[in-house]
Amino acid sequence: MALCCRQLAAHGLIAGRDGNLSVRIGPGRVLVTPSGVIKALVRPQDMVEVDLAGKPRRRSSRKPTSELDLHLRILRERPDVKAVVHAHPPVATGFAVAGQEIPANLLPELTFIVGPVPLVPYGKSGTPELGDRVVPYLKEHNGLLLAKHGAVTMGSTLDEAWIRMETLEHSARIIVVAMRLNA
């Protein structure tokens, strides 16, 4: 998880304390990134273990991510999902801030690796409202744009969720270039 955080930061998909990850590590057990930590500097021992209700499973000086509810909603709704990546990739987030979905079926990589990426209506960050907004989209999608916020990807492994986030952002960049060239 720490390596994934560093890679997301190195690739400009998160900045500073932005973004968060979760990984299902066993029945009813989840590791999440800590709140308030610079993700490029996060260490494995900084991760926080919680249950699917959000209760700490062991003592920690760290608090779980402020987006814990979002992660737990996804993990409860999608038993097939073992990892969730929430980031603020600049170009994909630009689509979300502009209130636009990333056009589907333009790039085979986006289609096959992530699938359709709908725009979820705005829900306030760090609140159950965001989780409420996301739930209706979970059954059919492995990547979501969060209106005025960022993106979330899911996978059967952390690598898969991470690659989906990278693919989402890379595709968004290509689509923006294509849109500008076609203007």
C-alpha atoms as a PDB file:
ATOM      1  CA  MET A   1       0.000   0.000   0.000  1.00  0.00           C
ATOM      2  CA  ALA A   2       2.832   2.385   0.838  1.00  0.00           C
ATOM      3  CA  LEU A   3       4.447   1.696  -2.541  1.00  0.00           C
ATOM      4  CA  CYS A   4       1.143   2.344  -4.305  1.00  0.00           C
ATOM      5  CA  CYS A   5       0.777   5.673  -2.471  1.00  0.00           C
ATOM      6  CA  ARG A   6       4.297   6.679  -3.502  1.00  0.00           C
ATOM      7  CA  GLN A   7       3.634   5.692  -7.118  1.00  0.00           C
ATOM      8  CA  LEU A   8       0.347   7.599  -7.233  1.00  0.00           C
ATOM      9  CA  ALA A   9       2.176  10.670  -5.910  1.00  0.00           C
ATOM     10  CA  ALA A  10       5.138  10.221  -8.277  1.00  0.00           C
ATOM     11  CA  HIS A  11       2.761  10.034 -11.257  1.00  0.00           C
ATOM     12  CA  GLY A  12       0.863  13.143 -10.156  1.00  0.00           C
ATOM     13  CA  LEU A  13      -2.385  11.308  -9.417  1.00  0.00           C
ATOM     14  CA  ILE A  14      -2.393  12.565  -5.820  1.00  0.00           C
ATOM     15  CA  ALA A  15      -0.639  15.457  -4.087  1.00  0.00           C
ATOM     16  CA  GLY A  16       0.360  15.953  -0.479  1.00  0.00           C
ATOM     17  CA  ARG A  17      -2.211  14.429   1.844  1.00  0.00           C
ATOM     18  CA  ASP A  18      -4.743  13.773  -0.961  1.00  0.00           C
ATOM     19  CA  GLY A  19      -6.051  10.373  -1.902  1.00  0.00           C
ATOM     20  CA  ASN A  20      -6.522   7.158   0.011  1.00  0.00           C
ATOM     21  CA  LEU A  21      -6.440   3.395  -0.386  1.00  0.00           C
ATOM     22  CA  SER A  22      -8.075   0.389   1.182  1.00  0.00           C
ATOM     23  CA  VAL A  23      -7.291  -3.314   0.931  1.00  0.00           C
ATOM     24  CA  ARG A  24      -9.392  -6.205   2.216  1.00  0.00           C
ATOM     25  CA  ILE A  25      -6.939  -8.387   4.163  1.00  0.00           C
ATOM     26  CA  GLY A  26      -9.313 -11.041   5.467  1.00  0.00           C
ATOM     27  CA  PRO A  27     -12.921 -11.655   6.428  1.00  0.00           C
ATOM     28  CA  GLY A  28     -14.155  -8.419   7.959  1.00  0.00           C
ATOM     29  CA  ARG A  29     -10.638  -6.926   8.018  1.00  0.00           C
ATOM     30  CA  VAL A  30      -9.508  -3.899   6.001  1.00  0.00           C
ATOM     31  CA  LEU A  31      -6.291  -1.881   5.908  1.00  0.00           C
ATOM     32  CA  VAL A  32      -6.727   1.795   5.039  1.00  0.00           C
ATOM     33  CA  THR A  33      -4.370   4.692   4.615  1.00  0.00           C
ATOM     34  CA  PRO A  34      -4.106   7.060   7.559  1.00  0.00           C
ATOM     35  CA  SER A  35      -5.619  10.519   7.675  1.00  0.00           C
ATOM     36  CA  GLY A  36      -3.378  13.565   7.444  1.00  0.00           C
ATOM     37  CA  VAL A  37      -0.246  11.801   6.194  1.00  0.00           C
ATOM     38  CA  ILE A  38       1.670  12.889   3.094  1.00  0.00           C
ATOM     39  CA  LYS A  39       1.128   9.891   0.855  1.00  0.00           C
ATOM     40  CA  ALA A  40       4.560  10.113  -0.784  1.00  0.00           C
ATOM     41  CA  LEU A  41       6.057   9.551   2.687  1.00  0.00           C
ATOM     42  CA  VAL A  42       3.612   7.000   4.098  1.00  0.00           C
ATOM     43  CA  ARG A  43       5.114   3.797   5.540  1.00  0.00           C
ATOM     44  CA  PRO A  44       3.599   0.303   5.828  1.00  0.00           C
ATOM     45  CA  GLN A  45       3.343   0.650   9.608  1.00  0.00           C
ATOM     46  CA  ASP A  46       1.226   3.805   9.172  1.00  0.00           C
ATOM     47  CA  MET A  47      -1.727   1.852   7.768  1.00  0.00           C
ATOM     48  CA  VAL A  48      -4.800   1.500   9.974  1.00  0.00           C
ATOM     49  CA  GLU A  49      -6.732  -1.755  10.349  1.00  0.00           C
ATOM     50  CA  VAL A  50     -10.510  -1.522  10.717  1.00  0.00           C
ATOM     51  CA  ASP A  51     -13.476  -3.854  10.420  1.00  0.00           C
ATOM     52  CA  LEU A  52     -16.208  -3.430   7.806  1.00  0.00           C
ATOM     53  CA  ALA A  53     -18.145  -1.217  10.233  1.00  0.00           C
ATOM     54  CA  GLY A  54     -15.139   1.112  10.544  1.00  0.00           C
ATOM     55  CA  LYS A  55     -14.126   0.098  14.064  1.00  0.00           C
ATOM     56  CA  PRO A  56     -10.364  -0.133  14.712  1.00  0.00           C
ATOM     57  CA  ARG A  57      -9.111  -3.734  14.893  1.00  0.00           C
ATOM     58  CA  ARG A  58      -5.920  -2.833  16.747  1.00  0.00           C
ATOM     59  CA  ARG A  59      -4.463   0.118  18.571  1.00  0.00           C
ATOM     60  CA  SER A  60      -2.947   2.795  16.392  1.00  0.00           C
ATOM     61  CA  SER A  61      -1.821   6.352  16.890  1.00  0.00           C
ATOM     62  CA  ARG A  62      -3.189   7.056  13.413  1.00  0.00           C
ATOM     63  CA  LYS A  63      -6.763   7.787  12.409  1.00  0.00           C
ATOM     64  CA  PRO A  64      -8.184   6.140   9.303  1.00  0.00           C
ATOM     65  CA  THR A  65      -8.734   8.162   6.152  1.00  0.00           C
ATOM     66  CA  SER A  66     -11.555  10.696   6.223  1.00  0.00           C
ATOM     67  CA  GLU A  67     -13.015   8.808   3.242  1.00  0.00           C
ATOM     68  CA  LEU A  68     -13.376   5.600   5.278  1.00  0.00           C
ATOM     69  CA  ASP A  69     -17.132   5.451   4.682  1.00  0.00           C
ATOM     70  CA  LEU A  70     -16.626   5.571   0.904  1.00  0.00           C
ATOM     71  CA  HIS A  71     -14.157   2.678   1.017  1.00  0.00           C
ATOM     72  CA  LEU A  72     -16.260   0.554   3.344  1.00  0.00           C
ATOM     73  CA  ARG A  73     -19.417   1.113   1.291  1.00  0.00           C
ATOM     74  CA  ILE A  74     -17.607  -0.141  -1.794  1.00  0.00           C
ATOM     75  CA  LEU A  75     -16.130  -3.150  -0.004  1.00  0.00           C
ATOM     76  CA  ARG A  76     -19.474  -4.105   1.569  1.00  0.00           C
ATOM     77  CA  GLU A  77     -21.398  -3.744  -1.708  1.00  0.00           C
ATOM     78  CA  ARG A  78     -18.793  -5.527  -3.828  1.00  0.00           C
ATOM     79  CA  PRO A  79     -17.452  -8.700  -2.167  1.00  0.00           C
ATOM     80  CA  ASP A  80     -15.383  -9.311  -5.325  1.00  0.00           C
ATOM     81  CA  VAL A  81     -13.454  -6.077  -4.724  1.00  0.00           C
ATOM     82  CA  LYS A  82     -10.342  -6.468  -2.599  1.00  0.00           C
ATOM     83  CA  ALA A  83      -8.859  -2.987  -3.103  1.00  0.00           C
ATOM     84  CA  VAL A  84     -10.033   0.585  -3.649  1.00  0.00           C
ATOM     85  CA  VAL A  85      -7.988   3.568  -4.858  1.00  0.00           C
ATOM     86  CA  HIS A  86      -9.348   7.086  -4.443  1.00  0.00           C
ATOM     87  CA  ALA A  87      -7.276   9.810  -6.098  1.00  0.00           C
ATOM     88  CA  HIS A  88      -7.478  13.219  -7.721  1.00  0.00           C
ATOM     89  CA  PRO A  89      -5.897  12.619 -11.133  1.00  0.00           C
ATOM     90  CA  PRO A  90      -5.775  16.082 -12.742  1.00  0.00           C
ATOM     91  CA  VAL A  91      -7.344  15.469 -16.146  1.00  0.00           C
ATOM     92  CA  ALA A  92      -9.943  12.918 -15.056  1.00  0.00           C
ATOM     93  CA  THR A  93     -10.817  15.195 -12.131  1.00  0.00           C
ATOM     94  CA  GLY A  94     -11.119  18.043 -14.637  1.00  0.00           C
ATOM     95  CA  PHE A  95     -13.916  16.081 -16.310  1.00  0.00           C
ATOM     96  CA  ALA A  96     -15.547  15.559 -12.882  1.00  0.00           C
ATOM     97  CA  VAL A  97     -15.288  19.246 -11.964  1.00  0.00           C
ATOM     98  CA  ALA A  98     -16.714  20.232 -15.359  1.00  0.00           C
ATOM     99  CA  GLY A  99     -19.622  17.845 -14.805  1.00  0.00           C
ATOM    100  CA  GLN A 100     -18.701  15.690 -17.815  1.00  0.00           C
ATOM    101  CA  GLU A 101     -18.307  11.962 -18.151  1.00  0.00           C
ATOM    102  CA  ILE A 102     -15.251  10.632 -19.915  1.00  0.00           C
ATOM    103  CA  PRO A 103     -16.559   9.492 -23.312  1.00  0.00           C
ATOM    104  CA  ALA A 104     -16.934   5.722 -23.418  1.00  0.00           C
ATOM    105  CA  ASN A 105     -15.565   3.371 -26.053  1.00  0.00           C
ATOM    106  CA  LEU A 106     -13.006   5.774 -27.536  1.00  0.00           C
ATOM    107  CA  LEU A 107      -9.948   3.894 -26.339  1.00  0.00           C
ATOM    108  CA  PRO A 108      -9.683   0.107 -26.109  1.00  0.00           C
ATOM    109  CA  GLU A 109      -7.444   0.319 -23.011  1.00  0.00           C
ATOM    110  CA  LEU A 110     -10.061   2.277 -21.098  1.00  0.00           C
ATOM    111  CA  THR A 111     -12.825  -0.035 -22.302  1.00  0.00           C
ATOM    112  CA  PHE A 112     -11.036  -3.288 -21.426  1.00  0.00           C
ATOM    113  CA  ILE A 113      -9.099  -2.276 -18.307  1.00  0.00           C
ATOM    114  CA  VAL A 114     -11.582   0.026 -16.570  1.00  0.00           C
ATOM    115  CA  GLY A 115     -14.867  -0.153 -18.471  1.00  0.00           C
ATOM    116  CA  PRO A 116     -17.410   2.680 -18.557  1.00  0.00           C
ATOM    117  CA  VAL A 117     -16.688   5.445 -16.038  1.00  0.00           C
ATOM    118  CA  PRO A 118     -19.876   7.273 -15.042  1.00  0.00           C
ATOM    119  CA  LEU A 119     -20.029  10.628 -13.296  1.00  0.00           C
ATOM    120  CA  VAL A 120     -21.473  10.186  -9.798  1.00  0.00           C
ATOM    121  CA  PRO A 121     -23.548  13.173  -8.597  1.00  0.00           C
ATOM    122  CA  TYR A 122     -21.882  15.383  -6.004  1.00  0.00           C
ATOM    123  CA  GLY A 123     -21.692  14.135  -2.436  1.00  0.00           C
ATOM    124  CA  LYS A 124     -19.770  16.009   0.234  1.00  0.00           C
ATOM    125  CA  SER A 125     -16.289  14.598   0.764  1.00  0.00           C
ATOM    126  CA  GLY A 126     -15.756  12.651   3.970  1.00  0.00           C
ATOM    127  CA  THR A 127     -19.468  12.186   4.664  1.00  0.00           C
ATOM    128  CA  PRO A 128     -21.930   9.295   4.287  1.00  0.00           C
ATOM    129  CA  GLU A 129     -23.588  11.335   1.518  1.00  0.00           C
ATOM    130  CA  LEU A 130     -20.680  10.507  -0.797  1.00  0.00           C
ATOM    131  CA  GLY A 131     -21.105   6.795  -0.106  1.00  0.00           C
ATOM    132  CA  ASP A 132     -24.852   7.093  -0.690  1.00  0.00           C
ATOM    133  CA  ARG A 133     -24.202   8.650  -4.108  1.00  0.00           C
ATOM    134  CA  VAL A 134     -21.691   5.969  -5.121  1.00  0.00           C
ATOM    135  CA  VAL A 135     -23.664   2.843  -4.166  1.00  0.00           C
ATOM    136  CA  PRO A 136     -26.059   2.822  -7.186  1.00  0.00           C
ATOM    137  CA  TYR A 137     -23.080   2.735  -9.583  1.00  0.00           C
ATOM    138  CA  LEU A 138     -21.044  -0.007  -7.936  1.00  0.00           C
ATOM    139  CA  LYS A 139     -22.612  -3.135  -9.382  1.00  0.00           C
ATOM    140  CA  GLU A 140     -21.753  -2.291 -12.987  1.00  0.00           C
ATOM    141  CA  HIS A 141     -18.537  -0.240 -12.744  1.00  0.00           C
ATOM    142  CA  ASN A 142     -14.897  -0.537 -11.678  1.00  0.00           C
ATOM    143  CA  GLY A 143     -14.137   3.159 -12.070  1.00  0.00           C
ATOM    144  CA  LEU A 144     -16.134   6.233 -11.127  1.00  0.00           C
ATOM    145  CA  LEU A 145     -15.744   9.981 -11.449  1.00  0.00           C
ATOM    146  CA  LEU A 146     -16.892  11.805  -8.322  1.00  0.00           C
ATOM    147  CA  ALA A 147     -18.484  15.130  -9.294  1.00  0.00           C
ATOM    148  CA  LYS A 148     -16.397  18.127  -8.199  1.00  0.00           C
ATOM    149  CA  HIS A 149     -13.997  15.795  -6.400  1.00  0.00           C
ATOM    150  CA  GLY A 150     -11.902  13.094  -8.064  1.00  0.00           C
ATOM    151  CA  ALA A 151     -12.043   9.445  -9.056  1.00  0.00           C
ATOM    152  CA  VAL A 152     -12.239   6.010  -7.495  1.00  0.00           C
ATOM    153  CA  THR A 153     -11.221   2.664  -8.957  1.00  0.00           C
ATOM    154  CA  MET A 154     -11.687  -0.845  -7.639  1.00  0.00           C
ATOM    155  CA  GLY A 155     -10.040  -4.172  -8.260  1.00  0.00           C
ATOM    156  CA  SER A 156      -9.589  -7.753  -7.176  1.00  0.00           C
ATOM    157  CA  THR A 157      -6.053  -6.733  -6.158  1.00  0.00           C
ATOM    158  CA  LEU A 158      -4.408  -3.450  -5.256  1.00  0.00           C
ATOM    159  CA  ASP A 159      -2.366  -3.639  -8.461  1.00  0.00           C
ATOM    160  CA  GLU A 160      -5.557  -3.926 -10.506  1.00  0.00           C
ATOM    161  CA  ALA A 161      -7.198  -0.936  -8.775  1.00  0.00           C
ATOM    162  CA  TRP A 162      -3.978   1.088  -9.188  1.00  0.00           C
ATOM    163  CA  ILE A 163      -3.609   0.199 -12.888  1.00  0.00           C
ATOM    164  CA  ARG A 164      -7.236   1.164 -13.436  1.00  0.00           C
ATOM    165  CA  MET A 165      -6.562   4.602 -11.917  1.00  0.00           C
ATOM    166  CA  GLU A 166      -3.476   5.092 -14.098  1.00  0.00           C
ATOM    167  CA  THR A 167      -5.385   3.936 -17.191  1.00  0.00           C
ATOM    168  CA  LEU A 168      -8.289   6.251 -16.375  1.00  0.00           C
ATOM    169  CA  GLU A 169      -5.996   9.278 -16.149  1.00  0.00           C
ATOM    170  CA  HIS A 170      -3.910   8.323 -19.199  1.00  0.00           C
ATOM    171  CA  SER A 171      -7.089   7.861 -21.239  1.00  0.00           C
ATOM    172  CA  ALA A 172      -8.514  11.178 -20.025  1.00  0.00           C
ATOM    173  CA  ARG A 173      -5.334  12.932 -21.213  1.00  0.00           C
ATOM    174  CA  ILE A 174      -5.538  11.343 -24.658  1.00  0.00           C
ATOM    175  CA  ILE A 175      -9.236  12.193 -24.974  1.00  0.00           C
ATOM    176  CA  VAL A 176      -8.617  15.847 -24.053  1.00  0.00           C
ATOM    177  CA  VAL A 177      -5.894  16.077 -26.719  1.00  0.00           C
ATOM    178  CA  ALA A 178      -8.215  14.476 -29.285  1.00  0.00           C
ATOM    179  CA  MET A 179     -11.034  16.876 -28.342  1.00  0.00           C
ATOM    180  CA  ARG A 180      -8.723  19.874 -28.763  1.00  0.00           C
ATOM    181  CA  LEU A 181      -7.481  18.646 -32.128  1.00  0.00           C
ATOM    182  CA  ASN A 182     -11.051  18.102 -33.325  1.00  0.00           C
ATOM    183  CA  ALA A 183     -12.255  21.538 -32.136  1.00  0.00           C
END
